[in-house]
Every structure is written in structure tokens, then in C-alpha cells.
N, C-alpha and C. Protein backbone atom coordinates (compact mmCIF):
# COMPACT_ATOMS: atom_id res chain seq x y z
N MET A 1 -26.23 8.83 18.67
CA MET A 1 -26.88 7.56 18.92
C MET A 1 -25.84 6.44 18.83
N THR A 2 -25.82 5.57 19.80
CA THR A 2 -24.85 4.48 19.85
C THR A 2 -25.40 3.27 19.10
N MET A 3 -24.55 2.71 18.24
CA MET A 3 -24.90 1.52 17.48
C MET A 3 -24.34 0.30 18.21
N GLN A 4 -25.08 -0.81 18.18
CA GLN A 4 -24.65 -2.04 18.82
C GLN A 4 -23.77 -2.84 17.87
N VAL A 5 -22.74 -3.52 18.41
CA VAL A 5 -21.84 -4.35 17.61
C VAL A 5 -21.56 -5.67 18.33
N VAL A 6 -21.60 -6.74 17.56
CA VAL A 6 -21.21 -8.06 18.06
C VAL A 6 -19.79 -8.31 17.56
N GLN A 7 -18.89 -8.68 18.47
CA GLN A 7 -17.50 -8.98 18.11
C GLN A 7 -17.26 -10.48 18.22
N THR A 8 -16.49 -11.01 17.28
CA THR A 8 -16.15 -12.42 17.36
C THR A 8 -14.74 -12.66 16.84
N ASP A 9 -14.03 -13.52 17.51
CA ASP A 9 -12.67 -13.92 17.13
C ASP A 9 -11.68 -12.75 17.04
N ILE A 10 -11.83 -11.75 17.87
CA ILE A 10 -10.86 -10.65 17.89
C ILE A 10 -9.61 -11.18 18.59
N PRO A 11 -8.44 -11.13 17.93
CA PRO A 11 -7.21 -11.62 18.56
C PRO A 11 -6.90 -10.88 19.86
N ALA A 12 -6.39 -11.60 20.84
CA ALA A 12 -6.07 -11.00 22.14
C ALA A 12 -5.12 -9.82 22.01
N ALA A 13 -4.19 -9.89 21.05
CA ALA A 13 -3.22 -8.81 20.85
C ALA A 13 -3.88 -7.52 20.38
N GLN A 14 -5.07 -7.62 19.81
CA GLN A 14 -5.77 -6.44 19.29
C GLN A 14 -6.97 -6.04 20.13
N ALA A 15 -7.29 -6.79 21.16
CA ALA A 15 -8.51 -6.57 21.93
C ALA A 15 -8.59 -5.17 22.53
N SER A 16 -7.51 -4.68 23.11
CA SER A 16 -7.58 -3.35 23.72
C SER A 16 -7.70 -2.26 22.66
N ALA A 17 -6.99 -2.41 21.54
CA ALA A 17 -7.10 -1.42 20.45
C ALA A 17 -8.50 -1.42 19.85
N VAL A 18 -9.09 -2.60 19.71
CA VAL A 18 -10.45 -2.68 19.18
C VAL A 18 -11.44 -2.07 20.16
N ALA A 19 -11.27 -2.32 21.45
CA ALA A 19 -12.15 -1.71 22.46
C ALA A 19 -12.07 -0.19 22.39
N GLU A 20 -10.86 0.35 22.27
CA GLU A 20 -10.70 1.80 22.15
C GLU A 20 -11.32 2.32 20.85
N THR A 21 -11.17 1.56 19.78
CA THR A 21 -11.76 1.92 18.49
C THR A 21 -13.27 2.00 18.59
N LEU A 22 -13.88 1.01 19.23
CA LEU A 22 -15.34 1.01 19.36
C LEU A 22 -15.82 2.23 20.13
N ALA A 23 -15.08 2.62 21.17
CA ALA A 23 -15.45 3.82 21.92
C ALA A 23 -15.34 5.07 21.04
N LEU A 24 -14.28 5.15 20.23
CA LEU A 24 -14.12 6.30 19.33
C LEU A 24 -15.25 6.38 18.29
N CYS A 25 -15.77 5.22 17.89
CA CYS A 25 -16.85 5.16 16.89
C CYS A 25 -18.24 5.20 17.52
N GLU A 26 -18.30 5.27 18.84
CA GLU A 26 -19.57 5.22 19.58
C GLU A 26 -20.34 3.94 19.26
N LEU A 27 -19.62 2.83 19.27
CA LEU A 27 -20.20 1.51 19.07
C LEU A 27 -20.18 0.78 20.41
N ALA A 28 -21.31 0.18 20.77
CA ALA A 28 -21.42 -0.51 22.05
C ALA A 28 -21.40 -2.02 21.84
N PRO A 29 -20.43 -2.71 22.44
CA PRO A 29 -20.38 -4.17 22.31
C PRO A 29 -21.60 -4.83 22.96
N THR A 30 -22.10 -5.86 22.30
CA THR A 30 -23.22 -6.64 22.82
C THR A 30 -23.07 -8.07 22.34
N GLU A 31 -23.84 -8.96 22.88
CA GLU A 31 -23.77 -10.37 22.48
C GLU A 31 -24.82 -10.72 21.42
N THR A 32 -25.92 -9.97 21.38
CA THR A 32 -27.00 -10.26 20.43
C THR A 32 -27.63 -8.97 19.93
N GLU A 33 -28.47 -9.12 18.93
CA GLU A 33 -29.29 -8.02 18.41
C GLU A 33 -28.49 -6.77 18.05
N ALA A 34 -27.51 -6.92 17.22
CA ALA A 34 -26.71 -5.79 16.77
C ALA A 34 -26.84 -5.66 15.25
N GLY A 35 -26.64 -4.44 14.76
CA GLY A 35 -26.68 -4.19 13.33
C GLY A 35 -25.32 -4.35 12.67
N LEU A 36 -24.28 -4.58 13.48
CA LEU A 36 -22.91 -4.69 12.98
C LEU A 36 -22.23 -5.90 13.58
N LEU A 37 -21.57 -6.68 12.72
CA LEU A 37 -20.75 -7.81 13.16
C LEU A 37 -19.30 -7.48 12.85
N LEU A 38 -18.44 -7.56 13.84
CA LEU A 38 -17.01 -7.32 13.68
C LEU A 38 -16.29 -8.66 13.88
N ILE A 39 -15.64 -9.15 12.82
CA ILE A 39 -14.98 -10.46 12.83
C ILE A 39 -13.47 -10.27 12.80
N GLY A 40 -12.74 -11.05 13.59
CA GLY A 40 -11.29 -10.98 13.59
C GLY A 40 -10.63 -12.27 13.13
N SER A 41 -11.38 -13.19 12.57
CA SER A 41 -10.86 -14.51 12.20
C SER A 41 -9.98 -14.46 10.96
N ALA A 42 -8.92 -15.27 10.96
CA ALA A 42 -8.08 -15.43 9.76
C ALA A 42 -8.46 -16.68 8.99
N ASP A 43 -9.47 -17.40 9.47
CA ASP A 43 -9.95 -18.63 8.82
C ASP A 43 -11.18 -18.30 7.98
N PRO A 44 -11.08 -18.40 6.65
CA PRO A 44 -12.20 -18.00 5.80
C PRO A 44 -13.46 -18.84 6.04
N ALA A 45 -13.34 -20.15 6.26
CA ALA A 45 -14.52 -20.98 6.49
C ALA A 45 -15.25 -20.56 7.76
N GLN A 46 -14.48 -20.27 8.80
CA GLN A 46 -15.07 -19.84 10.06
C GLN A 46 -15.75 -18.49 9.90
N ALA A 47 -15.11 -17.55 9.21
CA ALA A 47 -15.69 -16.23 8.99
C ALA A 47 -16.97 -16.33 8.17
N LEU A 48 -16.97 -17.15 7.11
CA LEU A 48 -18.18 -17.31 6.28
C LEU A 48 -19.33 -17.89 7.10
N ALA A 49 -19.03 -18.84 7.99
CA ALA A 49 -20.07 -19.42 8.84
C ALA A 49 -20.63 -18.36 9.80
N GLN A 50 -19.76 -17.52 10.35
CA GLN A 50 -20.22 -16.47 11.27
C GLN A 50 -21.07 -15.43 10.53
N ILE A 51 -20.69 -15.11 9.31
CA ILE A 51 -21.46 -14.15 8.51
C ILE A 51 -22.83 -14.74 8.19
N ALA A 52 -22.88 -16.02 7.83
CA ALA A 52 -24.15 -16.68 7.52
C ALA A 52 -25.06 -16.71 8.76
N ALA A 53 -24.50 -17.00 9.92
CA ALA A 53 -25.29 -17.01 11.16
C ALA A 53 -25.82 -15.62 11.48
N PHE A 54 -25.01 -14.60 11.27
CA PHE A 54 -25.43 -13.21 11.50
C PHE A 54 -26.56 -12.85 10.54
N ALA A 55 -26.42 -13.24 9.26
CA ALA A 55 -27.45 -12.95 8.26
C ALA A 55 -28.77 -13.60 8.62
N ALA A 56 -28.71 -14.80 9.18
CA ALA A 56 -29.93 -15.52 9.56
C ALA A 56 -30.71 -14.78 10.65
N GLN A 57 -30.03 -13.96 11.45
CA GLN A 57 -30.68 -13.21 12.53
C GLN A 57 -31.19 -11.85 12.08
N ARG A 58 -30.79 -11.40 10.92
CA ARG A 58 -31.14 -10.05 10.46
C ARG A 58 -32.44 -10.08 9.66
N PRO A 59 -33.22 -9.00 9.74
CA PRO A 59 -34.43 -8.92 8.91
C PRO A 59 -34.08 -8.72 7.43
N ALA A 60 -35.07 -8.84 6.60
CA ALA A 60 -34.88 -8.60 5.16
C ALA A 60 -34.49 -7.14 4.94
N PRO A 61 -33.83 -6.85 3.82
CA PRO A 61 -33.47 -5.46 3.55
C PRO A 61 -34.72 -4.59 3.36
N ALA A 62 -34.57 -3.32 3.65
CA ALA A 62 -35.68 -2.36 3.53
C ALA A 62 -35.64 -1.69 2.16
N ARG A 63 -36.75 -1.11 1.77
CA ARG A 63 -36.82 -0.36 0.52
C ARG A 63 -37.01 1.12 0.87
N ALA A 64 -36.31 1.97 0.12
CA ALA A 64 -36.46 3.42 0.23
C ALA A 64 -36.55 3.95 -1.20
N GLY A 65 -37.76 4.04 -1.71
CA GLY A 65 -37.92 4.40 -3.12
C GLY A 65 -37.39 3.27 -3.98
N ALA A 66 -36.48 3.58 -4.87
CA ALA A 66 -35.87 2.57 -5.74
C ALA A 66 -34.67 1.89 -5.09
N ASP A 67 -34.24 2.39 -3.93
CA ASP A 67 -33.05 1.86 -3.26
C ASP A 67 -33.40 0.72 -2.30
N THR A 68 -32.47 -0.19 -2.16
CA THR A 68 -32.57 -1.27 -1.18
C THR A 68 -31.55 -0.97 -0.09
N ILE A 69 -32.01 -0.98 1.15
CA ILE A 69 -31.16 -0.64 2.30
C ILE A 69 -30.84 -1.92 3.06
N ALA A 70 -29.57 -2.22 3.22
CA ALA A 70 -29.13 -3.41 3.95
C ALA A 70 -29.59 -3.34 5.40
N SER A 71 -29.92 -4.50 5.96
CA SER A 71 -30.38 -4.53 7.36
C SER A 71 -29.24 -4.75 8.35
N GLY A 72 -28.03 -4.97 7.84
CA GLY A 72 -26.89 -5.17 8.72
C GLY A 72 -25.58 -5.03 7.97
N GLN A 73 -24.51 -4.91 8.74
CA GLN A 73 -23.18 -4.77 8.15
C GLN A 73 -22.20 -5.70 8.85
N VAL A 74 -21.24 -6.17 8.06
CA VAL A 74 -20.17 -7.01 8.59
C VAL A 74 -18.85 -6.32 8.23
N ILE A 75 -17.97 -6.20 9.21
CA ILE A 75 -16.62 -5.70 8.96
C ILE A 75 -15.67 -6.78 9.46
N TRP A 76 -14.85 -7.27 8.54
CA TRP A 76 -13.90 -8.35 8.82
C TRP A 76 -12.53 -7.71 8.99
N LEU A 77 -11.94 -7.83 10.17
CA LEU A 77 -10.59 -7.33 10.44
C LEU A 77 -9.59 -8.39 10.00
N MET A 78 -9.01 -8.20 8.83
CA MET A 78 -8.07 -9.18 8.28
C MET A 78 -6.67 -8.93 8.81
N PRO A 79 -6.05 -9.95 9.39
CA PRO A 79 -4.68 -9.78 9.90
C PRO A 79 -3.70 -9.43 8.79
N GLU A 80 -2.59 -8.86 9.18
CA GLU A 80 -1.54 -8.47 8.24
C GLU A 80 -1.15 -9.63 7.32
N GLY A 81 -1.06 -9.31 6.05
CA GLY A 81 -0.61 -10.28 5.06
C GLY A 81 -1.65 -11.29 4.61
N THR A 82 -2.92 -11.14 5.02
CA THR A 82 -3.93 -12.12 4.65
C THR A 82 -4.94 -11.62 3.64
N ALA A 83 -4.88 -10.36 3.25
CA ALA A 83 -5.91 -9.79 2.37
C ALA A 83 -6.02 -10.53 1.05
N ALA A 84 -4.90 -10.84 0.42
CA ALA A 84 -4.94 -11.52 -0.88
C ALA A 84 -5.58 -12.90 -0.74
N ARG A 85 -5.27 -13.61 0.34
CA ARG A 85 -5.80 -14.96 0.55
C ARG A 85 -7.27 -14.94 0.94
N LEU A 86 -7.71 -13.92 1.67
CA LEU A 86 -9.07 -13.89 2.19
C LEU A 86 -10.05 -13.10 1.32
N LYS A 87 -9.54 -12.36 0.33
CA LYS A 87 -10.42 -11.50 -0.47
C LYS A 87 -11.49 -12.30 -1.21
N GLY A 88 -11.17 -13.48 -1.71
CA GLY A 88 -12.17 -14.30 -2.39
C GLY A 88 -13.33 -14.66 -1.47
N ALA A 89 -13.02 -15.04 -0.24
CA ALA A 89 -14.07 -15.37 0.73
C ALA A 89 -14.91 -14.13 1.06
N LEU A 90 -14.25 -12.98 1.17
CA LEU A 90 -14.97 -11.72 1.43
C LEU A 90 -15.96 -11.44 0.31
N GLN A 91 -15.50 -11.54 -0.94
CA GLN A 91 -16.37 -11.24 -2.07
C GLN A 91 -17.49 -12.27 -2.20
N GLU A 92 -17.21 -13.53 -1.88
CA GLU A 92 -18.25 -14.55 -1.89
C GLU A 92 -19.33 -14.20 -0.86
N ALA A 93 -18.92 -13.80 0.33
CA ALA A 93 -19.88 -13.41 1.38
C ALA A 93 -20.68 -12.18 0.95
N ALA A 94 -20.01 -11.21 0.36
CA ALA A 94 -20.70 -9.99 -0.08
C ALA A 94 -21.76 -10.32 -1.14
N ARG A 95 -21.41 -11.18 -2.09
CA ARG A 95 -22.37 -11.56 -3.14
C ARG A 95 -23.53 -12.38 -2.58
N SER A 96 -23.22 -13.36 -1.75
CA SER A 96 -24.27 -14.26 -1.29
C SER A 96 -25.22 -13.63 -0.28
N HIS A 97 -24.80 -12.57 0.41
CA HIS A 97 -25.65 -11.95 1.42
C HIS A 97 -26.19 -10.58 1.01
N ALA A 98 -25.90 -10.15 -0.23
CA ALA A 98 -26.46 -8.89 -0.71
C ALA A 98 -27.90 -9.15 -1.17
N PRO A 99 -28.78 -8.23 -1.00
CA PRO A 99 -28.65 -6.89 -0.44
C PRO A 99 -28.91 -6.82 1.06
N GLN A 100 -29.13 -7.99 1.69
CA GLN A 100 -29.44 -8.00 3.12
C GLN A 100 -28.31 -7.44 3.97
N LEU A 101 -27.06 -7.81 3.64
CA LEU A 101 -25.89 -7.36 4.41
C LEU A 101 -24.90 -6.65 3.50
N ARG A 102 -24.19 -5.71 4.08
CA ARG A 102 -23.00 -5.15 3.44
C ARG A 102 -21.81 -5.79 4.13
N VAL A 103 -20.94 -6.44 3.37
CA VAL A 103 -19.81 -7.17 3.92
C VAL A 103 -18.52 -6.55 3.38
N ASN A 104 -17.71 -5.98 4.26
CA ASN A 104 -16.45 -5.35 3.89
C ASN A 104 -15.36 -5.79 4.85
N ALA A 105 -14.14 -5.40 4.56
CA ALA A 105 -13.01 -5.78 5.42
C ALA A 105 -12.07 -4.61 5.61
N ILE A 106 -11.33 -4.69 6.71
CA ILE A 106 -10.23 -3.77 6.97
C ILE A 106 -8.99 -4.64 7.11
N HIS A 107 -8.02 -4.43 6.22
CA HIS A 107 -6.77 -5.18 6.27
C HIS A 107 -5.79 -4.41 7.14
N LEU A 108 -5.36 -5.04 8.21
CA LEU A 108 -4.41 -4.41 9.13
C LEU A 108 -3.01 -4.65 8.60
N GLY A 109 -2.49 -3.67 7.89
CA GLY A 109 -1.18 -3.78 7.26
C GLY A 109 -0.06 -3.64 8.26
N THR A 110 1.12 -3.52 7.73
CA THR A 110 2.33 -3.41 8.54
C THR A 110 2.26 -2.19 9.43
N LEU A 111 2.61 -2.38 10.70
CA LEU A 111 2.68 -1.25 11.61
C LEU A 111 3.91 -0.42 11.27
N ARG A 112 3.70 0.86 11.11
CA ARG A 112 4.82 1.75 10.76
C ARG A 112 5.45 2.31 12.02
N PRO A 113 6.77 2.34 12.07
CA PRO A 113 7.43 2.94 13.24
C PRO A 113 7.26 4.45 13.22
N ARG A 114 7.34 5.04 14.38
CA ARG A 114 7.29 6.50 14.46
C ARG A 114 8.54 7.07 13.79
N PRO A 115 8.43 8.28 13.22
CA PRO A 115 9.60 8.89 12.57
C PRO A 115 10.75 9.08 13.56
N ALA A 116 11.95 8.92 13.08
CA ALA A 116 13.14 9.17 13.90
C ALA A 116 13.24 10.67 14.16
N PRO A 117 13.90 11.08 15.25
CA PRO A 117 14.00 12.52 15.55
C PRO A 117 14.57 13.34 14.39
N TRP A 118 15.56 12.80 13.68
CA TRP A 118 16.16 13.57 12.60
C TRP A 118 15.17 13.76 11.44
N GLN A 119 14.15 12.91 11.32
CA GLN A 119 13.15 13.05 10.26
C GLN A 119 12.14 14.14 10.56
N SER A 120 12.00 14.52 11.80
CA SER A 120 11.01 15.55 12.16
C SER A 120 11.37 16.90 11.57
N ALA A 121 12.64 17.12 11.26
CA ALA A 121 13.04 18.39 10.64
C ALA A 121 12.40 18.57 9.27
N TRP A 122 12.03 17.48 8.62
CA TRP A 122 11.41 17.56 7.31
C TRP A 122 9.92 17.88 7.40
N GLY A 123 9.37 17.82 8.60
CA GLY A 123 7.93 17.99 8.78
C GLY A 123 7.36 19.25 8.17
N ALA A 124 7.97 20.40 8.41
CA ALA A 124 7.40 21.66 7.92
C ALA A 124 7.52 21.77 6.41
N ALA A 125 8.61 21.31 5.85
CA ALA A 125 8.82 21.43 4.41
C ALA A 125 8.05 20.38 3.62
N GLN A 126 7.75 19.27 4.23
CA GLN A 126 7.06 18.17 3.56
C GLN A 126 5.79 17.80 4.33
N PRO A 127 4.74 18.59 4.23
CA PRO A 127 3.54 18.23 4.98
C PRO A 127 2.98 16.90 4.49
N HIS A 128 2.70 16.03 5.41
CA HIS A 128 2.18 14.71 5.09
C HIS A 128 1.25 14.30 6.23
N PRO A 129 0.08 13.76 5.91
CA PRO A 129 -0.85 13.42 6.98
C PRO A 129 -0.32 12.33 7.89
N GLY A 130 0.52 11.45 7.36
CA GLY A 130 1.12 10.40 8.18
C GLY A 130 0.13 9.38 8.67
N SER A 131 0.63 8.37 9.30
CA SER A 131 -0.20 7.31 9.86
C SER A 131 -0.64 7.70 11.25
N LYS A 132 -1.67 7.03 11.71
CA LYS A 132 -2.20 7.26 13.05
C LYS A 132 -2.03 5.99 13.86
N PRO A 133 -2.11 6.09 15.17
CA PRO A 133 -2.08 4.87 16.00
C PRO A 133 -3.25 3.94 15.63
N LEU A 134 -3.13 2.67 15.94
CA LEU A 134 -4.11 1.67 15.54
C LEU A 134 -5.56 2.02 15.88
N PRO A 135 -5.89 2.42 17.10
CA PRO A 135 -7.31 2.70 17.38
C PRO A 135 -7.89 3.81 16.49
N GLU A 136 -7.13 4.88 16.29
CA GLU A 136 -7.62 5.98 15.46
C GLU A 136 -7.71 5.58 13.99
N ALA A 137 -6.74 4.83 13.51
CA ALA A 137 -6.76 4.37 12.12
C ALA A 137 -7.94 3.43 11.88
N LEU A 138 -8.18 2.50 12.79
CA LEU A 138 -9.33 1.61 12.68
C LEU A 138 -10.64 2.37 12.76
N ALA A 139 -10.71 3.34 13.66
CA ALA A 139 -11.94 4.13 13.81
C ALA A 139 -12.28 4.86 12.52
N GLU A 140 -11.29 5.46 11.88
CA GLU A 140 -11.54 6.14 10.61
C GLU A 140 -12.06 5.18 9.55
N ALA A 141 -11.45 4.01 9.46
CA ALA A 141 -11.87 3.02 8.46
C ALA A 141 -13.29 2.51 8.75
N ILE A 142 -13.58 2.23 10.01
CA ILE A 142 -14.92 1.75 10.38
C ILE A 142 -15.96 2.82 10.11
N LYS A 143 -15.68 4.06 10.49
CA LYS A 143 -16.64 5.15 10.24
C LYS A 143 -16.90 5.31 8.74
N PHE A 144 -15.86 5.20 7.94
CA PHE A 144 -16.02 5.28 6.49
C PHE A 144 -16.96 4.18 6.00
N LEU A 145 -16.70 2.95 6.40
CA LEU A 145 -17.52 1.83 5.94
C LEU A 145 -18.96 1.94 6.43
N LEU A 146 -19.18 2.48 7.62
CA LEU A 146 -20.54 2.64 8.13
C LEU A 146 -21.31 3.75 7.41
N GLN A 147 -20.59 4.76 6.94
CA GLN A 147 -21.25 5.93 6.34
C GLN A 147 -21.50 5.81 4.84
N VAL A 148 -20.87 4.87 4.17
CA VAL A 148 -21.00 4.77 2.72
C VAL A 148 -21.90 3.58 2.39
N PRO A 149 -23.18 3.83 2.09
CA PRO A 149 -24.13 2.73 1.92
C PRO A 149 -23.95 1.90 0.65
N SER A 150 -23.16 2.35 -0.29
CA SER A 150 -23.03 1.63 -1.56
C SER A 150 -21.79 0.73 -1.63
N VAL A 151 -21.02 0.66 -0.56
CA VAL A 151 -19.78 -0.12 -0.58
C VAL A 151 -20.03 -1.49 0.03
N THR A 152 -19.68 -2.54 -0.74
CA THR A 152 -19.73 -3.91 -0.23
C THR A 152 -18.71 -4.74 -0.98
N GLY A 153 -18.12 -5.71 -0.30
CA GLY A 153 -17.13 -6.58 -0.91
C GLY A 153 -15.76 -5.94 -1.07
N GLN A 154 -15.49 -4.88 -0.33
CA GLN A 154 -14.25 -4.13 -0.48
C GLN A 154 -13.33 -4.29 0.72
N VAL A 155 -12.03 -4.09 0.48
CA VAL A 155 -11.02 -4.13 1.54
C VAL A 155 -10.42 -2.74 1.69
N VAL A 156 -10.45 -2.22 2.91
CA VAL A 156 -9.80 -0.95 3.23
C VAL A 156 -8.48 -1.29 3.91
N ASN A 157 -7.38 -0.80 3.38
CA ASN A 157 -6.06 -1.08 3.96
C ASN A 157 -5.70 -0.01 4.97
N VAL A 158 -5.25 -0.45 6.14
CA VAL A 158 -4.88 0.44 7.23
C VAL A 158 -3.46 0.11 7.66
N ASN A 159 -2.58 1.10 7.66
CA ASN A 159 -1.19 0.93 8.11
C ASN A 159 -0.94 1.88 9.27
N PRO A 160 -1.25 1.47 10.49
CA PRO A 160 -1.11 2.35 11.65
C PRO A 160 0.33 2.46 12.15
N LEU A 161 0.53 3.46 13.01
CA LEU A 161 1.82 3.60 13.70
C LEU A 161 1.93 2.54 14.77
N VAL A 162 3.16 2.26 15.16
CA VAL A 162 3.41 1.32 16.26
C VAL A 162 2.91 1.92 17.55
């Protein structure tokens, strides 16, 4: 089943990687009526305003026994080097919109270069999962955040390959 996602302020340099990521996650971009908001802004005031507007469109959280189920999710794609500066705004949004929304972030860390040819000889002796290209790394982080219902106000760090 395809989930709908509203994207806002995705930087042009990341637009194609994000489009590929959404396809890998089976997320369909839309302009309205989505259960997921994907924000790419580096401006905390702008991101908080977008989260508040998204929350205003979402229904109240549902109840399942003793559990409260959020009616929507926000994933904030934080540019490299901004996680420490933006984490306070993320946690403020998570607190103020809980339990209606789950608000998390993915920090796009430093892009790692591919291993040099001489380093590949170490591959068999030193098994390491290594980094993945940006679309696959983002897809894994988004799938994790979508599947774990108890996570909110957290930053997932992603360091993809170039």
C-alpha cells in the first residue's frame, strides 16, 4: 500500500535523491491530504510553522486500547552540520504536537567517498556493512522512522556515499 507524502523546502541539490528515496519507500508525493510531511528547511522558525500547519490539517490521535496512535508523521531532513542547532526546534515540535504527530529528523551527515581501489583488498578480511548511496541510506532511515511507533523527537544520522 502506497502512503502519501507532502514535501516542502527540499533543496534542489537533493531533489532527485529524495524522489528516488520516495520510490524506494513506496511513498507517493502529493500536495494535500497526506499522513507524512517531509521538510527540507534549515530555518527552524519556518519548519516549526510548517509542522504547525500540517498538525492543523490532521485529525486527533486514535486510541488502541491503552495506546495513543499518532494521526501523522513529520520527518525533517536536516542539512549537514545543522543537527546540533536544529535539535531544540525538533524537540519543541515533538513535545508540542504529541500525541497527534510524531516528529523526527534525519541528519544528512558528511558524504563519504567510495573506498580507494587499494582499500578493497581489505574487504574480505574486514567485513563491514559500509555506507550506501544517498537514496538507499535515506530510504532505510525513513522506513525505520515509519515503522517504529514509539519514536518521536529523535535525530537519525545518515552518512551516505558520494
